[in-house]
Every structure is written in C-alpha cells, then in structure tokens.
Protein backbone atom coordinates (compact mmCIF):
# COMPACT_ATOMS: atom_id res chain seq x y z
CA MET A 1 58.18 83.79 82.17
CA LEU A 2 57.95 85.88 85.68
CA LEU A 3 54.12 85.54 86.63
CA GLN A 4 53.23 87.89 89.20
CA VAL A 5 50.35 86.57 91.54
CA HIS A 6 48.85 88.41 94.35
CA PRO A 7 50.14 87.14 97.48
CA ASP A 8 46.36 87.27 98.87
CA ASN A 9 44.02 86.32 96.37
CA PRO A 10 45.89 84.75 93.68
CA ASN A 11 43.94 85.03 90.03
CA PRO A 12 42.34 81.52 89.36
CA ARG A 13 43.74 82.02 85.77
CA HIS A 14 47.32 82.60 87.01
CA LEU A 15 47.20 79.52 89.47
CA ARG A 16 45.50 77.41 85.92
CA THR A 17 48.45 78.80 84.17
CA ILE A 18 51.03 77.36 87.09
CA ALA A 19 49.16 74.14 87.28
CA GLU A 20 49.25 72.85 83.74
CA CYS A 21 52.92 73.99 83.38
CA LEU A 22 53.92 71.85 86.30
CA LEU A 23 51.36 68.87 85.14
CA SER A 24 53.62 68.84 81.72
CA GLY A 25 56.81 68.35 83.89
CA GLY A 26 57.58 72.28 84.26
CA VAL A 27 59.99 73.20 87.09
CA ILE A 28 58.69 76.29 89.24
CA ILE A 29 60.31 79.36 92.00
CA TYR A 30 57.42 79.54 93.93
CA PRO A 31 56.65 81.79 97.56
CA THR A 32 56.62 80.38 100.75
CA ASP A 33 55.71 81.32 103.95
CA THR A 34 59.77 81.43 104.58
CA ILE A 35 62.27 81.72 101.31
CA TYR A 36 61.31 81.08 97.68
CA GLY A 37 61.79 77.22 96.73
CA LEU A 38 61.77 75.03 93.44
CA GLY A 39 58.66 73.38 92.68
CA CYS A 40 57.54 70.80 90.92
CA ASP A 41 54.50 67.78 90.74
CA ILE A 42 56.15 65.09 92.87
CA PHE A 43 55.23 62.94 90.15
CA GLN A 44 57.16 63.85 87.40
CA HIS A 45 60.31 62.05 87.31
CA LYS A 46 62.36 64.33 84.88
CA ALA A 47 61.03 67.69 86.62
CA VAL A 48 62.33 66.08 90.05
CA GLU A 49 65.60 65.58 88.08
CA ARG A 50 65.72 68.94 86.75
CA ILE A 51 65.53 70.45 90.04
CA ALA A 52 68.55 67.80 91.62
CA ARG A 53 70.45 69.17 88.09
CA ILE A 54 69.80 72.89 88.95
CA LYS A 55 71.14 72.13 92.46
CA GLN A 56 74.16 70.02 91.62
CA VAL A 57 72.80 67.10 93.74
CA ASP A 58 71.87 63.32 93.29
CA PRO A 59 67.87 62.98 93.46
CA ASN A 60 67.91 60.62 96.17
CA LYS A 61 70.39 62.37 98.45
CA ALA A 62 68.34 65.75 97.90
CA GLN A 63 66.78 67.24 100.65
CA LEU A 64 63.73 67.37 99.29
CA SER A 65 59.90 67.79 101.13
CA PHE A 66 56.59 68.15 99.75
CA VAL A 67 54.28 71.19 100.07
CA CYS A 68 50.85 69.80 100.98
CA TYR A 69 47.33 72.24 101.34
CA ASP A 70 46.77 71.07 104.79
CA LEU A 71 46.66 68.12 107.24
CA SER A 72 43.97 65.42 105.14
CA ASP A 73 46.45 66.32 102.17
CA LEU A 74 49.87 65.83 104.18
CA SER A 75 48.11 62.21 106.43
CA GLN A 76 48.37 60.84 102.43
CA TYR A 77 51.83 60.94 102.38
CA THR A 78 52.63 59.28 105.82
CA LYS A 79 52.18 56.21 107.28
CA SER A 80 49.22 56.57 110.25
CA ILE A 81 49.96 59.20 112.62
CA SER A 82 49.22 59.12 116.81
CA THR A 83 46.59 61.55 117.58
CA PRO A 84 49.15 63.36 119.84
CA LEU A 85 51.30 63.84 116.82
CA TYR A 86 48.39 65.07 114.99
CA ARG A 87 47.68 67.34 117.58
CA LEU A 88 50.97 68.51 117.46
CA LEU A 89 50.97 68.80 113.41
CA LYS A 90 47.78 70.57 113.82
CA HIS A 91 48.93 72.90 116.19
CA TYR A 92 51.94 74.54 114.06
CA LEU A 93 50.67 74.15 110.65
CA PRO A 94 50.23 75.90 108.39
CA GLY A 95 53.66 77.46 109.35
CA PRO A 96 57.36 77.66 108.84
CA TYR A 97 57.62 73.69 109.68
CA THR A 98 58.88 71.01 107.84
CA PHE A 99 58.20 67.55 110.02
CA ILE A 100 60.17 64.57 108.98
CA LEU A 101 57.83 61.64 108.86
CA PRO A 102 57.42 58.17 107.47
CA ALA A 103 56.70 58.03 103.91
CA SER A 104 53.00 56.05 103.08
CA LYS A 105 53.40 53.75 99.76
CA GLU A 106 51.87 57.19 97.97
CA VAL A 107 55.08 58.88 97.65
CA PRO A 108 57.14 57.97 94.42
CA LYS A 109 60.67 56.01 95.42
CA ILE A 110 62.41 58.72 94.02
CA LEU A 111 61.63 61.05 96.29
CA GLN A 112 62.01 58.82 99.58
CA SER A 113 65.42 59.07 101.55
CA LYS A 114 66.86 55.58 102.55
CA LYS A 115 64.87 55.41 105.88
CA SER A 116 61.86 55.54 104.12
CA THR A 117 60.94 59.34 105.26
CA ILE A 118 59.68 62.37 103.64
CA GLY A 119 59.79 65.86 104.75
CA LEU A 120 55.96 67.67 104.86
CA ARG A 121 55.34 71.35 105.08
CA VAL A 122 51.99 73.22 105.25
CA PRO A 123 53.20 76.41 104.46
CA ASN A 124 51.13 79.73 105.71
CA ASN A 125 51.34 81.16 102.14
CA ASN A 126 48.00 81.65 100.02
CA ILE A 127 50.42 80.94 96.49
CA ALA A 128 51.87 78.10 97.56
CA ARG A 129 48.37 76.27 99.17
CA HIS A 130 46.66 77.78 95.78
CA ILE A 131 48.75 75.64 93.73
CA VAL A 132 48.79 72.58 95.37
CA LYS A 133 44.52 72.87 95.53
CA GLU A 134 44.87 73.40 91.57
CA LEU A 135 47.04 70.34 91.02
CA ARG A 136 45.33 68.32 93.70
CA HIS A 137 48.53 67.02 95.34
CA PRO A 138 52.01 68.20 96.58
CA ILE A 139 54.39 70.03 94.67
CA LEU A 140 57.65 69.24 95.72
CA SER A 141 59.82 72.26 97.76
CA ALA A 142 63.48 72.42 97.52
CA SER A 143 66.10 75.39 98.47
CA LEU A 144 67.52 77.06 95.76
CA PRO A 145 70.86 76.17 94.99
CA GLY A 146 74.16 78.45 96.41
CA ASP A 147 74.50 80.19 99.48
CA MET A 148 73.27 84.10 98.33
CA VAL A 149 70.12 84.06 100.52
CA GLU A 150 69.92 87.45 99.68
CA GLU A 151 69.11 87.21 95.74
CA TYR A 152 66.30 84.83 96.58
CA THR A 153 63.94 87.22 98.34
CA ASP A 154 63.80 89.14 95.02
CA PRO A 155 61.67 87.55 92.35
CA GLU A 156 63.26 89.85 89.75
CA ILE A 157 66.49 88.90 90.51
CA MET A 158 65.85 85.16 90.95
CA TYR A 159 63.91 85.59 87.18
CA GLU A 160 67.28 87.06 86.09
CA LYS A 161 69.25 84.53 87.31
CA PHE A 162 66.91 81.29 86.91
CA GLY A 163 65.11 82.22 84.05
CA LYS A 164 66.61 79.83 82.08
CA LEU A 165 66.77 76.98 84.46
CA VAL A 166 62.95 76.91 85.18
CA ASP A 167 59.48 77.50 83.23
CA ILE A 168 57.86 79.81 85.61
CA VAL A 169 59.17 82.16 88.27
CA VAL A 170 55.50 82.88 90.74
CA ASP A 171 56.31 86.06 91.94
CA GLY A 172 54.41 86.91 95.21
CA GLY A 173 56.36 89.75 96.78
CA ILE A 174 59.58 90.01 98.35
CA GLY A 175 60.19 86.66 100.37
CA GLY A 176 62.25 85.62 103.38
CA MET A 177 65.63 85.01 104.38
CA VAL A 178 64.97 82.41 106.59
CA PRO A 179 64.20 78.48 105.79
CA SER A 180 61.54 76.40 107.69
CA THR A 181 62.14 75.08 111.02
CA VAL A 182 62.93 71.12 110.34
CA ILE A 183 61.71 68.91 113.04
CA ASP A 184 62.24 64.65 112.76
CA CYS A 185 58.96 62.93 114.43
CA THR A 186 60.25 59.22 113.29
CA GLN A 187 61.31 58.62 116.30
CA ASP A 188 59.46 58.78 120.00
CA THR A 189 61.47 61.91 121.29
CA TYR A 190 61.21 64.30 118.41
CA GLU A 191 64.24 66.04 117.39
CA VAL A 192 64.96 69.84 115.78
CA ILE A 193 66.98 69.00 112.86
CA ARG A 194 67.71 72.74 111.61
CA GLU A 195 66.16 75.66 113.34
CA GLY A 196 64.88 78.56 111.16
CA ALA A 197 61.63 80.41 111.09
CA GLY A 198 59.60 78.51 113.12
CA GLU A 199 59.72 78.72 116.73
CA TRP A 200 59.98 74.99 118.92
CA SER A 201 59.25 74.63 122.47
CA GLU A 202 58.15 71.24 122.78
C-alpha cells in the first residue's frame, strides 16, 4: 500500500494504520529528515529478519539503528550517559545524526552489535516521530538496499520497486539523498564514522 501522509500534520488515522501494521510484524518504508528508510517494530523479530533479508545481510551484522521520539525515549535504550554527552545530544537532536551509544538491557539482543552498542536517532521529521509516538516505542531504521540513491527519493518509484517486499510505503513527499552523520560516542573521544547530512564541529 502506498499511503500519502502530510509531512507537517500527519493524519492520526494514517498513523494508526501504520502503527497497527508495525505491531503486527509489518515492514514499512518511511521518510526521515535525510533519506527514506526501511522500518519495523524493534520488538518484532520476524520483521527485523525480513528487513535483513531485503537488505541481504545477516541481522547481527546489519548496520541497524533506532528512531526514537525524543531524548527521554532515547535514554531508555542506552546505558546512563554523562551530563556533557546529554547536553551534546540535546544540542544536535532532533537532527540528521545517528549516535552510537552503549546499549541498555531494553535493546533486543538481535539488534545489539557484538560490542553491545546501538545507533540511536531522533530525526527532525514529523512523520517518523509521530509513527514512533503512536507505536509507543522506537522503530528500526535501515537504509534501502543497493546504491541507486536517486531512486530512493521518490516514494512512487520506491513503491514500484519494493511494494511487494514491504507492507506500506509511507509517502511523505520527496526525500533527501544524503544519509545521517554517524558519531561513535562509546569512547572518551567521539569519532565521526560517516560524514552525512549533519554538520559536526566538536
């Protein structure tokens, strides 16, 4: 299903439809403040495995991150963070960043890396955050497979290409082409793993 959702004022009925789909193990393509991504409920193992299959990767090796609604939502899924790090996150989020942080016990095992870390994201995108709010816990965020980034900006093209593999393509308008900036905050000195849409000057 291709579902058009208003980017500024998402229709509550549409959000409920998406949340119900996710709770029943569905997989969606949805907009963020950078590129469109594949998403599912983090607690639906089968759906996580489906995303790994679509991406043709092992779930344990896939670079998967969570989309949270806000910082208090984010703090449930990471071990306690220092005040300076919290201030840093508060400064940059919501925004086009993925922060790699130590995973808390709330993070499903299938989603933790070998180092027990997790990528966490609070995108500056109403649709993505409202889906999380409706669902009441984070959604998985994974990039679409392949290198044809141009094809991943137009929801109608994504629907033609991936419509049979996912349950809903959420059309929130044309998406971006540059992914989020990834920062590893698990060491004392923070390291930029991937330069992306977010400016980083720490």
